[in-house]
Amino acid sequence: MARDMDGTQELSGAERDTLTEVVNICSGNASAALSQMINHIVHISVPDAVVDKVERVLPFLGEPEDVNTVVFLKLVGDTPGVMLLMFPPAMASTLAKMVTHGHTANFKELENLNRSALGEIGNILAGSATTALSAFLYMNVHQSIPEVATDMVGAVVDAILGEIGESSDVALAFKVNFDVDKEDIRGKVLFLFEPEATRKILNATKERVGSNRR
């Protein structure tokens, strides 16, 4: 990685391609798991990446005043970071109902059921992503118990970036957009890694690619 004039770390083209490939593998596994859960095809975008000072990463993740339903999981082990699933609340509710097969109940029970379903979606997607990451890089990566909240993007992500900012003023973020075929459901999968985790992922990926070429 190189540093620009204000001290921000920049990814070289080769480093960006390498890290993007890692996230492609993770998000591909996650989308396949979601497809199996809801019995619908899930389309994903090419990952977009940014490395910048913590306070500058927020606009990359979404408009601060937009209200989203967010599933949050910590990534722990060799590559600490966080994984987020973000949806407009109505779309999150539709997705949860697909998982629960349209179960109906009173509002309180339905709210709890939807939160539980979204948490389970996050748990399975993160498990698929971390399994792929661990297998590809020969690293130990696993996730925490998911937390579900509906709030402004700025409030949710500020708290997460605040944690990352405790150890460094620079963060790596990847964003993958997805949509569910034939359904009005769109969302984002976000991976945020601390710089030390970024270096570990990059070095391990280079070693893996190099060994495959021998």
Protein backbone atom coordinates (compact mmCIF):
# COMPACT_ATOMS: atom_id res chain seq x y z
CA MET A 1 0.00 0.00 0.00
CA ALA A 2 1.10 3.56 -0.71
CA ARG A 3 0.29 6.74 1.19
CA ASP A 4 -0.97 9.91 -0.46
CA MET A 5 -0.17 13.48 0.62
CA ASP A 6 -2.60 13.55 3.57
CA GLY A 7 -1.43 10.20 4.95
CA THR A 8 -4.33 8.12 3.65
CA GLN A 9 -3.39 4.64 2.50
CA GLU A 10 -4.21 3.86 -1.13
CA LEU A 11 -4.54 0.44 -2.73
CA SER A 12 -2.47 -0.26 -5.81
CA GLY A 13 -4.34 -1.69 -8.78
CA ALA A 14 -2.97 -5.18 -8.09
CA GLU A 15 -3.83 -4.97 -4.38
CA ARG A 16 -7.37 -3.80 -5.15
CA ASP A 17 -7.85 -6.66 -7.63
CA THR A 18 -6.54 -9.17 -5.09
CA LEU A 19 -8.77 -7.96 -2.26
CA THR A 20 -11.76 -7.67 -4.58
CA GLU A 21 -11.31 -11.31 -5.58
CA VAL A 22 -11.35 -12.35 -1.91
CA VAL A 23 -14.59 -10.45 -1.30
CA ASN A 24 -16.04 -11.86 -4.53
CA ILE A 25 -15.54 -15.35 -3.16
CA CYS A 26 -17.09 -14.43 0.20
CA SER A 27 -20.12 -12.62 -1.28
CA GLY A 28 -20.63 -15.35 -3.89
CA ASN A 29 -20.87 -17.98 -1.16
CA ALA A 30 -23.16 -15.75 0.87
CA SER A 31 -25.51 -15.08 -2.06
CA ALA A 32 -25.67 -18.81 -2.82
CA ALA A 33 -26.66 -19.46 0.79
CA LEU A 34 -29.38 -16.80 0.64
CA SER A 35 -30.67 -18.19 -2.66
CA GLN A 36 -31.03 -21.59 -1.05
CA MET A 37 -32.85 -20.13 1.97
CA ILE A 38 -35.50 -18.25 -0.03
CA ASN A 39 -35.56 -20.41 -3.18
CA HIS A 40 -34.89 -17.38 -5.41
CA ILE A 41 -31.91 -16.35 -7.50
CA VAL A 42 -29.85 -13.61 -5.84
CA HIS A 43 -27.86 -11.28 -8.10
CA ILE A 44 -24.72 -9.59 -6.74
CA SER A 45 -22.60 -6.72 -8.05
CA VAL A 46 -18.84 -6.54 -8.46
CA PRO A 47 -17.40 -5.44 -5.07
CA ASP A 48 -16.45 -1.80 -4.68
CA ALA A 49 -13.60 -0.95 -2.30
CA VAL A 50 -12.28 2.09 -0.48
CA VAL A 51 -9.39 2.69 1.92
CA ASP A 52 -9.64 6.05 3.66
CA LYS A 53 -9.73 7.83 6.96
CA VAL A 54 -12.54 6.60 9.19
CA GLU A 55 -14.63 9.76 8.93
CA ARG A 56 -14.50 9.64 5.11
CA VAL A 57 -15.68 6.04 4.80
CA LEU A 58 -19.27 6.73 5.93
CA PRO A 59 -20.53 8.30 2.64
CA PHE A 60 -19.30 5.18 0.79
CA LEU A 61 -21.59 3.03 2.92
CA GLY A 62 -24.79 5.03 2.40
CA GLU A 63 -26.53 8.34 2.95
CA PRO A 64 -26.24 9.15 6.69
CA GLU A 65 -29.90 10.20 7.05
CA ASP A 66 -31.38 7.15 5.29
CA VAL A 67 -33.17 4.76 7.63
CA ASN A 68 -32.12 1.13 7.12
CA THR A 69 -32.58 -2.18 8.83
CA VAL A 70 -29.08 -3.43 9.62
CA VAL A 71 -27.82 -6.88 10.58
CA PHE A 72 -24.44 -6.46 12.27
CA LEU A 73 -21.85 -9.17 12.94
CA LYS A 74 -18.30 -8.86 14.20
CA LEU A 75 -15.63 -10.82 12.36
CA VAL A 76 -13.09 -12.21 14.80
CA GLY A 77 -9.97 -14.30 14.55
CA ASP A 78 -7.09 -13.61 12.19
CA THR A 79 -8.85 -10.79 10.31
CA PRO A 80 -10.89 -8.62 12.70
CA GLY A 81 -13.60 -6.48 11.20
CA VAL A 82 -17.35 -6.32 10.78
CA MET A 83 -19.95 -7.51 8.28
CA LEU A 84 -23.21 -5.65 7.72
CA LEU A 85 -26.37 -6.45 5.82
CA MET A 86 -28.38 -3.32 5.07
CA PHE A 87 -31.92 -3.02 3.64
CA PRO A 88 -34.71 -0.47 3.47
CA PRO A 89 -37.02 -1.56 6.35
CA ALA A 90 -39.93 -2.61 4.11
CA MET A 91 -37.64 -4.80 1.99
CA ALA A 92 -36.09 -6.31 5.11
CA SER A 93 -39.57 -7.22 6.30
CA THR A 94 -40.42 -8.81 2.92
CA LEU A 95 -37.23 -10.86 3.00
CA ALA A 96 -37.93 -12.01 6.56
CA LYS A 97 -41.44 -13.12 5.56
CA MET A 98 -39.95 -15.17 2.70
CA VAL A 99 -37.79 -16.99 5.24
CA THR A 100 -40.66 -17.52 7.67
CA HIS A 101 -43.03 -18.51 4.83
CA GLY A 102 -45.46 -15.67 5.47
CA HIS A 103 -46.14 -16.52 9.10
CA THR A 104 -48.66 -14.07 10.55
CA ALA A 105 -49.08 -13.04 14.18
CA ASN A 106 -49.84 -9.94 16.20
CA PHE A 107 -47.53 -6.99 15.56
CA LYS A 108 -45.20 -7.63 18.52
CA GLU A 109 -44.79 -11.32 17.67
CA LEU A 110 -44.31 -10.48 14.00
CA GLU A 111 -41.64 -7.89 14.83
CA ASN A 112 -39.74 -10.38 16.99
CA LEU A 113 -40.12 -13.08 14.35
CA ASN A 114 -38.80 -10.80 11.61
CA ARG A 115 -35.83 -9.76 13.74
CA SER A 116 -35.06 -13.38 14.47
CA ALA A 117 -35.34 -14.30 10.77
CA LEU A 118 -33.07 -11.43 9.72
CA GLY A 119 -30.56 -12.40 12.38
CA GLU A 120 -30.58 -15.96 11.07
CA ILE A 121 -30.09 -14.69 7.51
CA GLY A 122 -27.10 -12.67 8.69
CA ASN A 123 -25.72 -15.63 10.62
CA ILE A 124 -25.91 -17.98 7.63
CA LEU A 125 -24.56 -15.43 5.15
CA ALA A 126 -21.67 -14.48 7.43
CA GLY A 127 -20.95 -18.15 8.09
CA SER A 128 -20.78 -18.86 4.36
CA ALA A 129 -18.57 -15.82 3.77
CA THR A 130 -16.16 -16.55 6.62
CA THR A 131 -15.93 -20.23 5.67
CA ALA A 132 -14.93 -19.19 2.15
CA LEU A 133 -12.45 -16.62 3.49
CA SER A 134 -10.89 -19.14 5.88
CA ALA A 135 -10.60 -21.82 3.22
CA PHE A 136 -9.13 -19.51 0.58
CA LEU A 137 -6.58 -17.82 2.86
CA TYR A 138 -5.92 -20.67 5.33
CA MET A 139 -6.96 -18.39 8.16
CA ASN A 140 -9.17 -18.69 11.21
CA VAL A 141 -12.15 -16.36 10.77
CA HIS A 142 -15.56 -16.61 12.42
CA GLN A 143 -18.45 -14.33 13.32
CA SER A 144 -20.24 -13.13 16.41
CA ILE A 145 -23.93 -13.52 17.20
CA PRO A 146 -25.86 -11.15 14.89
CA GLU A 147 -27.50 -7.95 16.11
CA VAL A 148 -30.46 -6.39 14.27
CA ALA A 149 -31.43 -2.72 14.41
CA THR A 150 -33.40 -0.18 12.40
CA ASP A 151 -31.90 3.30 12.51
CA MET A 152 -30.30 6.00 10.41
CA VAL A 153 -27.27 4.74 8.49
CA GLY A 154 -25.11 7.44 10.03
CA ALA A 155 -25.94 6.42 13.60
CA VAL A 156 -25.34 2.71 13.00
CA VAL A 157 -22.15 2.97 10.98
CA ASP A 158 -20.65 5.78 13.09
CA ALA A 159 -20.68 3.45 16.10
CA ILE A 160 -18.97 0.70 14.09
CA LEU A 161 -16.38 3.01 12.56
CA GLY A 162 -15.80 4.41 16.03
CA GLU A 163 -14.63 0.96 17.13
CA ILE A 164 -12.29 0.68 14.15
CA GLY A 165 -11.03 4.20 14.78
CA GLU A 166 -9.89 3.22 18.26
CA SER A 167 -6.97 1.30 16.75
CA SER A 168 -6.35 3.28 13.56
CA ASP A 169 -7.66 6.29 11.68
CA VAL A 170 -7.80 4.30 8.43
CA ALA A 171 -10.38 1.68 7.45
CA LEU A 172 -10.87 -0.66 4.50
CA ALA A 173 -14.46 -1.12 3.33
CA PHE A 174 -16.00 -3.33 0.65
CA LYS A 175 -19.55 -2.97 -0.60
CA VAL A 176 -21.52 -5.54 -2.59
CA ASN A 177 -25.03 -4.68 -3.81
CA PHE A 178 -27.55 -7.48 -4.28
CA ASP A 179 -31.14 -7.99 -5.37
CA VAL A 180 -33.56 -10.89 -5.29
CA ASP A 181 -34.83 -12.09 -8.67
CA LYS A 182 -38.52 -11.30 -9.33
CA GLU A 183 -38.90 -9.61 -5.93
CA ASP A 184 -38.67 -5.97 -4.88
CA ILE A 185 -35.80 -6.67 -2.50
CA ARG A 186 -32.46 -4.87 -2.72
CA GLY A 187 -29.72 -4.52 -0.17
CA LYS A 188 -26.03 -4.23 0.52
CA VAL A 189 -23.44 -6.49 2.10
CA LEU A 190 -20.62 -4.50 3.67
CA PHE A 191 -17.27 -5.74 4.94
CA LEU A 192 -15.13 -3.39 7.05
CA PHE A 193 -11.61 -4.45 8.00
CA GLU A 194 -8.97 -2.83 10.16
CA PRO A 195 -5.72 -2.04 8.29
CA GLU A 196 -3.80 -4.82 10.05
CA ALA A 197 -6.44 -7.30 8.90
CA THR A 198 -6.17 -5.84 5.39
CA ARG A 199 -2.44 -6.49 5.33
CA LYS A 200 -2.96 -10.05 6.56
CA ILE A 201 -5.58 -10.75 3.89
CA LEU A 202 -3.41 -9.25 1.16
CA ASN A 203 -0.27 -11.15 2.20
CA ALA A 204 -2.14 -14.44 2.57
CA THR A 205 -3.79 -13.96 -0.82
CA LYS A 206 -0.43 -13.27 -2.49
CA GLU A 207 1.00 -16.42 -0.91
CA ARG A 208 -1.97 -18.47 -2.08
CA VAL A 209 -1.77 -17.10 -5.63
CA GLY A 210 1.99 -17.60 -5.70
CA SER A 211 1.77 -21.21 -4.54
CA ASN A 212 -0.83 -21.98 -7.20
CA ARG A 213 1.54 -20.73 -9.90
CA ARG A 214 4.41 -22.97 -8.84
